[in-house]
Amino acid sequence: MSAVMEAAPPAERTASRDSWAAVAALARFEARRLLMSLPVIVGFLAYVAWIVWSAQDYADGYPALQNVDRATQGGPLLVGLAVLLAVNQAVLRSGRQDTERHFGVLVMGAGRRTTAHLLSVVPAVLLTAVCVAGQFGRQSLKSGALGHGSVGELLVGPLTVLLFGAVGVLMARLVASVFAAPLLLVVFLFFFVLGTGLGGESGWVRWLYPVVGEMSNNTLPSDLIGRPALWHAVYLAGLGLSLALLAVLLGGGRARSARALFVGALALTCLGGTAQAQGVPAKTTAARERVTFHPEQVQTCVERAGSRYCAFPEWRDRTADWASVVDQVQSLAGGTAHDQRLLVRQRIDATYGLDGDAAIAPSKAAHQVTVGTEWGGNRVPEFSAAVAAVLIAGDENSAGGLCDGRMVTLMWIALAWESDPITQLRRVRLDDSVTGSAIVLSPTNPMSMTEGQTTVVRELLERPRGEIEAKVKSRWSELTAPKVTTARVAELLGVDAKVKADSCD
């Protein structure tokens, strides 16, 4: 009898090892089924298609990596919802197929089966991480990329899939119905996609969401973003682990270690949730005000072809692109504007961080041109128009009030150097038109063109550049004289067009 009693502990340890081996085997089996399930396949295909589509013209080829990291967070929601549905149905499979009673003869209890289903989500999480890394890496390799991404922001996508997977398993342990998960998806889409979610767009409540978007489209220096990205990742990780361990406990897990881990995960969730709700640090707020009101204190300036270019540290290499545009515009200008020394300064309004899109006030400083933090696409003709405006009006503030024939000369020197100036004319106008009156965009306050000015400019841009360039330079003083009419400018440049009297209305 004593010999039998002494042999019992090794047999118990062997059963425990066999049980964990069974957990691993079931996890591998369920992971394969999960990845091959229709919802997950569709989710990943849609996610990859979204990555490819969005990458084509993202930031016009000049991405800021502090924006790219946040752009990786929306797509994994599709995968997360698919995983939630698939893993929920996998856990309920034994109930639907009446095989639950057969699990009673196995060494693996309900708690460890729940653990296996939770582990089956891990490959989907890792595959999501690969997609996030690919999306971010593709943008970071572009020649126009700048800035720095955040590890915390990049972790949000994979952690969202982990969280949704844990929700799917937990729901199966709480509600043994195949309709619960689809109903939850409908509720999620209604409140978080079509509705307003848990609360407003600002405040600590929004950080309870898996993905926290921003109202602004501004591009800020990476050290001014002010988002608690790492703490949000800690919060998501803690919440996902808490729900997963709760599912294990509800599924029959009775191990003391599971209860201890659950308490630890709850503490991690509270830590991350509390830390991410602290708001923007005072140091970041002060730095935002400094770059808004005193950008010269934090910028580096370089001399290029007689003009001075001042940029924030992450944008220093972009000064060559700005200088190229300035050179092209000045090459078409006449008089003193042809060799005028300019100060091109990068300016942003970072007062409200990513919670606002405040316009940049025009500078009253003579011969100073504002350039923003975005480049490529429409930003190029907008900057070109700003350069031309300062060359003609003297400063940005005065350029905003131009409403006479000088707008014709301004727009011609701003766009004639482009390979397709008519397309650029369309891009720089608010309504994307090439006829009628319109608002002309620029980095600061917009300008306006009348219908007659548009007609004259379009005809000039359609003619050979050399022919018009000679006339512009020879008649520069008269073309840029205050109050010169559009009709007179058209006459000087050889355009036979009937135009109405200029009006600032």
Protein backbone atom coordinates (compact mmCIF):
# COMPACT_ATOMS: atom_id res chain seq x y z
CA MET A 1 0.00 0.00 0.00
CA SER A 2 2.83 2.37 0.88
CA ALA A 3 4.51 1.67 -2.45
CA VAL A 4 1.33 2.65 -4.31
CA MET A 5 1.05 5.89 -2.34
CA GLU A 6 4.62 6.86 -3.17
CA ALA A 7 4.06 6.28 -6.89
CA ALA A 8 1.05 8.62 -7.11
CA PRO A 9 2.85 12.03 -7.28
CA PRO A 10 4.91 11.18 -10.39
CA ALA A 11 1.75 10.00 -12.14
CA GLU A 12 0.07 13.33 -11.25
CA ARG A 13 2.98 15.33 -12.62
CA THR A 14 2.92 13.27 -15.81
CA ALA A 15 -0.79 14.01 -16.24
CA SER A 16 -0.11 17.71 -15.78
CA ARG A 17 2.61 17.67 -18.43
CA ASP A 18 0.33 15.75 -20.77
CA SER A 19 -2.42 18.30 -20.14
CA TRP A 20 -0.22 21.25 -21.12
CA ALA A 21 1.02 19.35 -24.16
CA ALA A 22 -2.62 18.86 -25.11
CA VAL A 23 -3.23 22.60 -24.65
CA ALA A 24 -0.40 23.37 -27.07
CA ALA A 25 -1.68 20.81 -29.57
CA LEU A 26 -5.23 22.14 -29.40
CA ALA A 27 -3.97 25.71 -29.69
CA ARG A 28 -2.06 24.85 -32.88
CA PHE A 29 -5.09 23.06 -34.31
CA GLU A 30 -7.47 25.92 -33.48
CA ALA A 31 -4.99 28.52 -34.76
CA ARG A 32 -4.92 26.82 -38.16
CA ARG A 33 -8.71 26.66 -38.25
CA LEU A 34 -8.96 30.27 -37.15
CA LEU A 35 -6.61 31.55 -39.86
CA MET A 36 -8.43 29.49 -42.48
CA SER A 37 -11.92 30.56 -41.39
CA LEU A 38 -13.87 32.68 -43.84
CA PRO A 39 -14.27 35.78 -41.61
CA VAL A 40 -10.54 35.94 -40.85
CA ILE A 41 -9.53 35.37 -44.48
CA VAL A 42 -11.90 38.11 -45.62
CA GLY A 43 -10.67 40.38 -42.79
CA PHE A 44 -7.01 39.98 -43.73
CA LEU A 45 -7.69 40.33 -47.46
CA ALA A 46 -9.62 43.56 -46.82
CA TYR A 47 -6.83 44.75 -44.51
CA VAL A 48 -4.07 44.07 -47.04
CA ALA A 49 -6.13 45.65 -49.84
CA TRP A 50 -6.62 48.73 -47.65
CA ILE A 51 -2.87 48.93 -46.98
CA VAL A 52 -2.04 48.73 -50.68
CA TRP A 53 -4.71 51.23 -51.69
CA SER A 54 -3.91 53.78 -48.99
CA ALA A 55 -0.16 53.57 -49.65
CA GLN A 56 -0.42 54.65 -53.28
CA ASP A 57 -0.69 58.41 -52.75
CA TYR A 58 -0.23 58.63 -49.00
CA ALA A 59 1.00 62.14 -48.11
CA ASP A 60 1.83 62.59 -51.82
CA GLY A 61 5.07 60.64 -51.31
CA TYR A 62 6.29 62.86 -48.44
CA PRO A 63 5.12 61.02 -45.31
CA ALA A 64 5.83 62.15 -41.77
CA LEU A 65 6.43 58.99 -39.76
CA GLN A 66 4.75 60.49 -36.67
CA ASN A 67 1.56 60.38 -38.75
CA VAL A 68 2.24 57.05 -40.43
CA ASP A 69 2.30 55.18 -37.11
CA ARG A 70 -1.26 56.32 -36.32
CA ALA A 71 -2.37 55.46 -39.85
CA THR A 72 -1.62 51.78 -39.11
CA GLN A 73 -4.35 51.53 -36.47
CA GLY A 74 -7.59 51.58 -38.44
CA GLY A 75 -7.05 48.50 -40.63
CA PRO A 76 -6.51 46.00 -37.79
CA LEU A 77 -10.04 46.76 -36.57
CA LEU A 78 -11.29 44.71 -39.54
CA VAL A 79 -9.10 41.79 -38.54
CA GLY A 80 -10.03 42.17 -34.88
CA LEU A 81 -13.75 41.97 -35.60
CA ALA A 82 -13.21 38.92 -37.80
CA VAL A 83 -11.12 37.20 -35.12
CA LEU A 84 -13.75 38.00 -32.47
CA LEU A 85 -16.44 36.30 -34.52
CA ALA A 86 -14.31 33.31 -35.57
CA VAL A 87 -12.87 32.48 -32.14
CA ASN A 88 -16.28 32.88 -30.52
CA GLN A 89 -17.75 30.35 -32.92
CA ALA A 90 -14.77 28.04 -32.35
CA VAL A 91 -15.31 27.98 -28.58
CA LEU A 92 -19.03 27.27 -29.07
CA ARG A 93 -18.38 24.55 -31.65
CA SER A 94 -18.45 21.72 -29.11
CA GLY A 95 -21.83 22.87 -27.85
CA ARG A 96 -23.29 23.17 -31.34
CA GLN A 97 -22.01 19.77 -32.39
CA ASP A 98 -22.85 18.06 -29.07
CA THR A 99 -19.27 16.98 -28.40
CA GLU A 100 -18.86 18.78 -25.08
CA ARG A 101 -19.51 15.63 -23.07
CA HIS A 102 -16.61 13.84 -24.75
CA PHE A 103 -14.10 16.33 -23.33
CA GLY A 104 -14.79 14.91 -19.86
CA VAL A 105 -12.60 11.86 -20.59
CA LEU A 106 -9.58 14.01 -21.49
CA VAL A 107 -6.76 15.16 -19.20
CA MET A 108 -7.49 18.74 -20.32
CA GLY A 109 -10.23 20.54 -18.40
CA ALA A 110 -12.49 23.36 -19.57
CA GLY A 111 -10.13 26.01 -18.24
CA ARG A 112 -7.21 24.74 -20.29
CA ARG A 113 -9.39 24.34 -23.36
CA THR A 114 -10.26 28.01 -22.94
CA THR A 115 -6.55 28.76 -22.68
CA ALA A 116 -5.95 26.90 -25.93
CA HIS A 117 -8.58 28.96 -27.72
CA LEU A 118 -6.99 32.14 -26.41
CA LEU A 119 -3.57 31.00 -27.58
CA SER A 120 -5.03 30.28 -31.02
CA VAL A 121 -5.47 34.05 -31.46
CA VAL A 122 -1.72 34.70 -31.15
CA PRO A 123 -0.82 33.83 -34.79
CA ALA A 124 -3.44 36.32 -36.02
CA VAL A 125 -1.95 38.92 -33.70
CA LEU A 126 1.55 38.23 -35.01
CA LEU A 127 0.37 38.34 -38.62
CA THR A 128 -1.26 41.71 -37.91
CA ALA A 129 2.04 42.92 -36.45
CA VAL A 130 3.79 41.88 -39.67
CA CYS A 131 1.25 43.86 -41.71
CA VAL A 132 1.70 46.91 -39.46
CA ALA A 133 5.47 46.66 -39.79
CA GLY A 134 5.17 46.34 -43.58
CA GLN A 135 2.87 49.34 -43.85
CA PHE A 136 5.10 51.50 -41.68
CA GLY A 137 8.30 50.22 -43.27
CA ARG A 138 7.09 50.91 -46.79
CA GLN A 139 6.41 54.54 -45.98
CA SER A 140 9.64 54.99 -44.01
CA LEU A 141 11.69 53.84 -47.02
CA LYS A 142 10.33 56.59 -49.28
CA SER A 143 12.87 59.25 -50.16
CA GLY A 144 10.56 62.00 -48.91
CA ALA A 145 9.93 60.42 -45.50
CA LEU A 146 10.91 62.26 -42.33
CA GLY A 147 10.21 62.30 -38.61
CA HIS A 148 9.99 59.49 -36.09
CA GLY A 149 7.32 56.90 -35.39
CA SER A 150 6.18 55.69 -31.97
CA VAL A 151 6.44 52.07 -30.83
CA GLY A 152 3.37 52.61 -28.69
CA GLU A 153 1.30 53.73 -31.69
CA LEU A 154 2.50 50.76 -33.77
CA LEU A 155 1.50 48.31 -31.03
CA VAL A 156 -2.12 49.45 -31.06
CA GLY A 157 -3.06 47.41 -34.14
CA PRO A 158 -1.83 44.01 -32.90
CA LEU A 159 -3.08 44.67 -29.37
CA THR A 160 -6.53 45.51 -30.77
CA VAL A 161 -6.68 42.09 -32.42
CA LEU A 162 -5.59 40.47 -29.14
CA LEU A 163 -8.26 42.40 -27.25
CA PHE A 164 -11.02 41.47 -29.67
CA GLY A 165 -9.94 37.83 -29.60
CA ALA A 166 -10.16 37.82 -25.80
CA VAL A 167 -13.64 39.41 -26.02
CA GLY A 168 -14.75 36.64 -28.39
CA VAL A 169 -13.63 33.87 -26.04
CA LEU A 170 -15.08 35.62 -22.97
CA MET A 171 -18.44 36.07 -24.67
CA ALA A 172 -18.56 32.36 -25.46
CA ARG A 173 -18.03 31.58 -21.78
CA LEU A 174 -20.66 34.09 -20.69
CA VAL A 175 -23.34 33.54 -23.34
CA ALA A 176 -23.57 30.15 -25.04
CA SER A 177 -25.29 31.53 -28.12
CA VAL A 178 -23.95 31.76 -31.68
CA PHE A 179 -25.90 35.00 -32.14
CA ALA A 180 -24.15 36.94 -29.35
CA ALA A 181 -20.95 37.72 -31.25
CA PRO A 182 -22.66 38.90 -34.48
CA LEU A 183 -24.94 41.08 -32.36
CA LEU A 184 -21.91 42.58 -30.62
CA LEU A 185 -20.36 43.37 -34.02
CA VAL A 186 -23.50 45.23 -35.04
CA VAL A 187 -23.49 47.20 -31.78
CA PHE A 188 -19.79 48.01 -32.22
CA LEU A 189 -20.27 49.23 -35.80
CA PHE A 190 -23.29 51.30 -34.81
CA PHE A 191 -21.73 53.08 -31.85
CA PHE A 192 -18.07 53.32 -32.89
CA VAL A 193 -18.34 53.71 -36.67
CA LEU A 194 -21.76 55.20 -37.40
CA GLY A 195 -22.41 56.77 -34.01
CA THR A 196 -20.57 58.81 -31.43
CA GLY A 197 -19.12 56.06 -29.28
CA LEU A 198 -18.77 56.44 -25.53
CA GLY A 199 -18.47 60.20 -25.44
CA GLY A 200 -17.02 63.26 -27.09
CA GLU A 201 -14.00 63.52 -29.30
CA SER A 202 -11.82 64.94 -26.55
CA GLY A 203 -11.07 64.18 -22.93
CA TRP A 204 -9.95 61.04 -21.14
CA VAL A 205 -13.02 59.02 -22.14
CA ARG A 206 -11.86 58.62 -25.74
CA TRP A 207 -8.71 56.85 -24.51
CA LEU A 208 -10.91 53.95 -23.44
CA TYR A 209 -11.38 53.15 -27.13
CA PRO A 210 -8.96 50.70 -28.75
CA VAL A 211 -8.14 53.22 -31.50
CA VAL A 212 -8.04 56.94 -30.68
CA GLY A 213 -8.28 59.19 -33.73
CA GLU A 214 -7.56 62.90 -33.98
CA MET A 215 -9.62 65.82 -35.28
CA SER A 216 -6.68 67.56 -36.91
CA ASN A 217 -4.88 66.86 -40.16
CA ASN A 218 -1.88 68.90 -39.06
CA THR A 219 1.61 67.47 -39.17
CA LEU A 220 3.52 68.38 -36.04
CA PRO A 221 7.12 67.70 -35.07
CA SER A 222 7.30 64.27 -33.47
CA ASP A 223 8.19 65.67 -30.03
CA LEU A 224 5.00 67.79 -30.01
CA ILE A 225 2.47 65.02 -30.68
CA GLY A 226 1.60 64.74 -27.00
CA ARG A 227 -0.26 61.42 -27.22
CA PRO A 228 0.22 58.90 -24.37
CA ALA A 229 0.94 56.17 -26.90
CA LEU A 230 3.00 53.85 -24.69
CA TRP A 231 0.55 54.10 -21.79
CA HIS A 232 -2.32 53.38 -24.17
CA ALA A 233 -0.49 50.27 -25.35
CA VAL A 234 -0.05 49.23 -21.70
CA TYR A 235 -3.77 49.81 -21.14
CA LEU A 236 -4.75 47.71 -24.17
CA ALA A 237 -2.36 44.91 -23.21
CA GLY A 238 -3.65 44.88 -19.64
CA LEU A 239 -7.28 44.95 -20.74
CA GLY A 240 -6.76 42.15 -23.24
CA LEU A 241 -4.98 39.98 -20.68
CA SER A 242 -7.63 40.74 -18.04
CA LEU A 243 -10.45 39.63 -20.30
CA ALA A 244 -8.50 36.56 -21.40
CA LEU A 245 -7.78 35.47 -17.83
CA LEU A 246 -11.38 36.18 -16.83
CA ALA A 247 -12.48 33.86 -19.64
CA VAL A 248 -10.14 31.17 -18.29
CA LEU A 249 -11.55 31.54 -14.78
CA LEU A 250 -15.14 31.46 -16.02
CA GLY A 251 -14.28 28.49 -18.20
CA GLY A 252 -13.37 26.40 -15.19
CA GLY A 253 -9.80 27.42 -14.44
CA ARG A 254 -9.15 27.14 -10.73
CA ALA A 255 -5.36 27.47 -10.58
CA ARG A 256 -4.09 29.95 -8.05
CA SER A 257 -1.66 31.26 -10.65
CA ALA A 258 -4.54 32.19 -12.98
CA ARG A 259 -6.21 34.24 -10.25
CA ALA A 260 -2.93 35.95 -9.40
CA LEU A 261 -2.28 36.76 -13.05
CA PHE A 262 -5.81 38.13 -13.38
CA VAL A 263 -5.21 40.52 -10.48
CA GLY A 264 -1.89 41.55 -12.01
CA ALA A 265 -3.52 42.17 -15.40
CA LEU A 266 -6.22 44.31 -13.78
CA ALA A 267 -3.52 46.33 -12.04
CA LEU A 268 -1.74 46.79 -15.38
CA THR A 269 -5.00 47.98 -16.98
CA CYS A 270 -5.60 50.48 -14.20
CA LEU A 271 -2.01 51.72 -14.42
CA GLY A 272 -2.19 52.27 -18.17
CA GLY A 273 -5.68 53.74 -18.03
CA THR A 274 -4.79 56.18 -15.27
CA ALA A 275 -1.52 57.26 -16.86
CA GLN A 276 -3.04 57.85 -20.30
CA ALA A 277 -5.73 60.09 -18.80
CA GLN A 278 -3.27 62.61 -17.37
CA GLY A 279 -3.43 64.87 -20.42
CA VAL A 280 -0.68 66.65 -22.33
CA PRO A 281 2.42 67.30 -20.19
CA ALA A 282 3.15 70.92 -19.33
CA LYS A 283 6.54 70.60 -21.00
CA THR A 284 4.89 69.65 -24.30
CA THR A 285 2.37 72.49 -24.02
CA ALA A 286 5.19 74.99 -23.51
CA ALA A 287 7.11 73.57 -26.48
CA ARG A 288 4.01 73.89 -28.68
CA GLU A 289 3.63 77.54 -27.77
CA ARG A 290 7.31 78.17 -28.49
CA VAL A 291 7.21 76.72 -32.02
CA THR A 292 3.94 78.58 -32.70
CA PHE A 293 4.94 82.06 -31.54
CA HIS A 294 8.75 81.91 -31.68
CA PRO A 295 9.72 79.34 -34.31
CA GLU A 296 13.08 81.02 -34.85
CA GLN A 297 14.15 79.75 -31.42
CA VAL A 298 14.01 76.11 -32.46
CA GLN A 299 14.75 76.24 -36.20
CA THR A 300 17.87 75.68 -38.25
CA CYS A 301 18.48 78.06 -41.18
CA VAL A 302 20.48 77.51 -44.36
CA GLU A 303 21.41 79.79 -47.27
CA ARG A 304 20.50 78.66 -50.77
CA ALA A 305 20.95 80.77 -53.90
CA GLY A 306 20.69 84.07 -52.07
CA SER A 307 17.64 83.27 -49.93
CA ARG A 308 17.41 81.96 -46.40
CA TYR A 309 15.43 78.84 -45.44
CA CYS A 310 14.51 78.12 -41.82
CA ALA A 311 13.00 74.76 -40.84
CA PHE A 312 12.32 72.63 -37.81
CA PRO A 313 15.02 70.00 -37.23
CA GLU A 314 13.14 67.10 -38.85
CA TRP A 315 12.51 69.16 -42.00
CA ARG A 316 16.06 70.41 -42.62
CA ASP A 317 16.55 68.20 -45.68
CA ARG A 318 13.38 69.55 -47.29
CA THR A 319 14.80 73.05 -47.72
CA ALA A 320 16.27 71.95 -51.05
CA ASP A 321 12.73 71.25 -52.37
CA TRP A 322 11.54 74.67 -51.21
CA ALA A 323 14.56 76.36 -52.78
CA SER A 324 13.88 74.64 -56.09
CA VAL A 325 10.37 76.13 -56.23
CA VAL A 326 11.60 79.58 -55.23
CA ASP A 327 14.26 79.48 -57.96
CA GLN A 328 11.70 78.49 -60.59
CA VAL A 329 9.28 81.26 -59.63
CA GLN A 330 11.98 83.93 -59.48
CA SER A 331 13.37 82.84 -62.84
CA LEU A 332 10.08 83.99 -64.42
CA ALA A 333 9.85 87.25 -62.48
CA GLY A 334 11.24 90.54 -63.69
CA GLY A 335 12.58 93.71 -62.12
CA THR A 336 13.94 93.52 -58.59
CA ALA A 337 11.78 90.48 -57.85
CA HIS A 338 14.06 88.37 -60.04
CA ASP A 339 16.90 88.62 -57.50
CA GLN A 340 14.94 89.47 -54.38
CA ARG A 341 16.32 87.85 -51.23
CA LEU A 342 13.57 85.94 -49.42
CA LEU A 343 13.23 84.43 -45.98
CA VAL A 344 11.31 81.16 -46.22
CA ARG A 345 10.25 80.16 -42.72
CA GLN A 346 8.38 77.06 -41.66
CA ARG A 347 5.42 78.01 -39.50
CA ILE A 348 2.71 75.97 -37.79
CA ASP A 349 0.01 76.56 -35.21
CA ALA A 350 0.65 73.84 -32.65
CA THR A 351 -1.24 75.54 -29.81
CA TYR A 352 -3.94 72.86 -29.67
CA GLY A 353 -1.78 69.99 -30.84
CA LEU A 354 -3.76 67.48 -32.84
CA ASP A 355 -7.11 68.72 -31.49
CA GLY A 356 -7.45 71.68 -33.84
CA ASP A 357 -6.81 72.90 -37.37
CA ALA A 358 -6.16 76.59 -36.79
CA ALA A 359 -5.10 78.59 -39.85
CA ILE A 360 -1.67 80.22 -39.91
CA ALA A 361 -1.88 84.00 -39.81
CA PRO A 362 -0.08 85.74 -42.69
CA SER A 363 3.23 87.35 -41.84
CA LYS A 364 3.61 91.12 -42.05
CA ALA A 365 7.39 90.86 -42.34
CA ALA A 366 8.69 92.04 -45.72
CA HIS A 367 9.87 89.34 -48.11
CA GLN A 368 9.06 86.47 -45.74
CA VAL A 369 7.26 83.40 -47.12
CA THR A 370 5.55 80.80 -44.97
CA VAL A 371 5.85 77.09 -45.70
CA GLY A 372 4.04 74.38 -43.77
CA THR A 373 4.99 70.92 -42.56
CA GLU A 374 3.39 69.07 -45.48
CA TRP A 375 4.76 68.79 -48.99
CA GLY A 376 4.01 67.26 -52.35
CA GLY A 377 0.75 67.28 -54.31
CA ASN A 378 -1.30 70.44 -53.84
CA ARG A 379 1.16 71.84 -51.32
CA VAL A 380 3.68 72.61 -54.08
CA PRO A 381 1.50 75.01 -56.17
CA GLU A 382 0.17 76.54 -52.94
CA PHE A 383 3.70 77.36 -51.82
CA SER A 384 4.56 78.55 -55.31
CA ALA A 385 1.61 80.95 -55.23
CA ALA A 386 2.74 82.23 -51.83
CA VAL A 387 6.24 82.92 -53.16
CA ALA A 388 4.84 84.78 -56.17
CA ALA A 389 2.51 86.77 -53.93
CA VAL A 390 5.34 88.00 -51.71
CA LEU A 391 7.50 88.89 -54.71
CA ILE A 392 4.69 91.05 -56.09
CA ALA A 393 2.93 92.40 -52.99
CA GLY A 394 5.97 92.60 -50.71
CA ASP A 395 4.54 90.61 -47.78
CA GLU A 396 1.94 87.93 -47.10
CA ASN A 397 -0.49 90.21 -45.31
CA SER A 398 -0.67 92.59 -48.28
CA ALA A 399 -0.95 89.69 -50.73
CA GLY A 400 -4.24 88.62 -49.17
CA GLY A 401 -5.86 91.85 -50.31
CA LEU A 402 -4.85 91.68 -53.98
CA CYS A 403 -7.87 91.97 -56.22
CA ASP A 404 -6.54 93.79 -59.29
CA GLY A 405 -4.67 92.73 -62.40
CA ARG A 406 -1.57 91.79 -60.45
CA MET A 407 -3.25 88.45 -59.73
CA VAL A 408 -2.74 87.51 -63.37
CA THR A 409 1.01 88.07 -63.21
CA LEU A 410 1.16 86.41 -59.81
CA MET A 411 -0.54 83.23 -60.96
CA TRP A 412 1.45 83.03 -64.18
CA ILE A 413 4.87 83.15 -62.51
CA ALA A 414 3.60 80.78 -59.83
CA LEU A 415 2.51 78.08 -62.28
CA ALA A 416 4.13 78.58 -65.70
CA TRP A 417 7.30 76.70 -64.73
CA GLU A 418 5.33 73.49 -64.09
CA SER A 419 5.23 70.77 -66.75
CA ASP A 420 1.41 70.81 -66.65
CA PRO A 421 0.45 74.29 -65.45
CA ILE A 422 -3.28 73.90 -66.16
CA THR A 423 -3.45 70.91 -63.80
CA GLN A 424 -1.57 72.88 -61.17
CA LEU A 425 -4.02 75.76 -61.63
CA ARG A 426 -6.82 73.33 -60.85
CA ARG A 427 -4.98 72.02 -57.78
CA VAL A 428 -4.32 75.40 -56.25
CA ARG A 429 -7.96 76.50 -56.44
CA LEU A 430 -10.38 75.53 -53.70
CA ASP A 431 -13.07 74.23 -56.05
CA ASP A 432 -10.62 72.44 -58.42
CA SER A 433 -11.86 74.54 -61.33
CA VAL A 434 -10.11 76.31 -64.22
CA THR A 435 -13.03 78.58 -65.07
CA GLY A 436 -14.92 81.28 -63.22
CA SER A 437 -13.97 82.96 -59.98
CA ALA A 438 -12.35 80.93 -57.22
CA ILE A 439 -10.35 80.96 -54.00
CA VAL A 440 -6.61 80.38 -54.40
CA LEU A 441 -5.07 78.41 -51.55
CA SER A 442 -1.76 79.19 -49.89
CA PRO A 443 0.00 78.21 -46.64
CA THR A 444 -1.58 81.22 -44.89
CA ASN A 445 -4.66 83.24 -45.88
CA PRO A 446 -6.12 82.42 -49.29
CA MET A 447 -6.29 84.80 -52.25
CA SER A 448 -9.04 85.22 -54.81
CA MET A 449 -9.32 85.24 -58.59
CA THR A 450 -12.12 86.78 -60.59
CA GLU A 451 -13.65 85.13 -63.62
CA GLY A 452 -11.78 87.49 -65.92
CA GLN A 453 -8.44 86.86 -64.24
CA THR A 454 -8.99 83.13 -64.55
CA THR A 455 -9.69 83.46 -68.26
CA VAL A 456 -6.53 85.49 -68.88
CA VAL A 457 -4.32 83.24 -66.73
CA ARG A 458 -5.60 80.06 -68.39
CA GLU A 459 -4.91 81.45 -71.89
CA LEU A 460 -1.41 82.58 -70.86
CA LEU A 461 -0.60 79.14 -69.41
CA GLU A 462 -1.67 77.49 -72.65
CA ARG A 463 0.78 79.57 -74.71
CA PRO A 464 4.53 78.89 -75.06
CA ARG A 465 6.28 79.90 -71.87
CA GLY A 466 9.17 81.68 -73.56
CA GLU A 467 6.83 83.97 -75.47
CA ILE A 468 5.02 85.13 -72.31
CA GLU A 469 8.17 85.24 -70.20
CA ALA A 470 9.75 87.87 -72.43
CA LYS A 471 6.66 90.07 -72.20
CA VAL A 472 6.36 89.64 -68.43
CA LYS A 473 9.97 90.66 -67.79
CA SER A 474 9.93 93.59 -70.20
CA ARG A 475 6.65 94.96 -68.76
CA TRP A 476 7.21 93.94 -65.15
CA SER A 477 6.87 97.38 -63.58
CA GLU A 478 3.53 98.07 -65.21
CA LEU A 479 2.23 94.51 -64.72
CA THR A 480 2.88 94.69 -60.98
CA ALA A 481 1.84 98.31 -60.38
CA PRO A 482 -0.88 98.71 -57.72
CA LYS A 483 -4.40 99.04 -59.13
CA VAL A 484 -3.42 97.90 -62.61
CA THR A 485 -6.55 96.43 -64.17
CA THR A 486 -6.92 92.91 -65.45
CA ALA A 487 -7.95 94.31 -68.83
CA ARG A 488 -4.68 96.30 -69.01
CA VAL A 489 -2.61 93.25 -68.03
CA ALA A 490 -4.34 91.21 -70.73
CA GLU A 491 -3.56 93.92 -73.27
CA LEU A 492 0.11 94.11 -72.25
CA LEU A 493 0.51 90.35 -72.54
CA GLY A 494 -1.32 90.06 -75.86
CA VAL A 495 -4.47 88.35 -74.66
CA ASP A 496 -7.62 89.33 -76.52
CA ALA A 497 -10.29 88.78 -73.88
CA LYS A 498 -13.24 90.75 -72.62
CA VAL A 499 -13.01 90.99 -68.84
CA LYS A 500 -15.19 92.75 -66.32
CA ALA A 501 -13.90 95.43 -64.03
CA ASP A 502 -11.89 94.09 -61.09
CA SER A 503 -13.77 93.74 -57.83
CA CYS A 504 -12.81 92.58 -54.35
CA ASP A 505 -16.37 91.38 -53.65
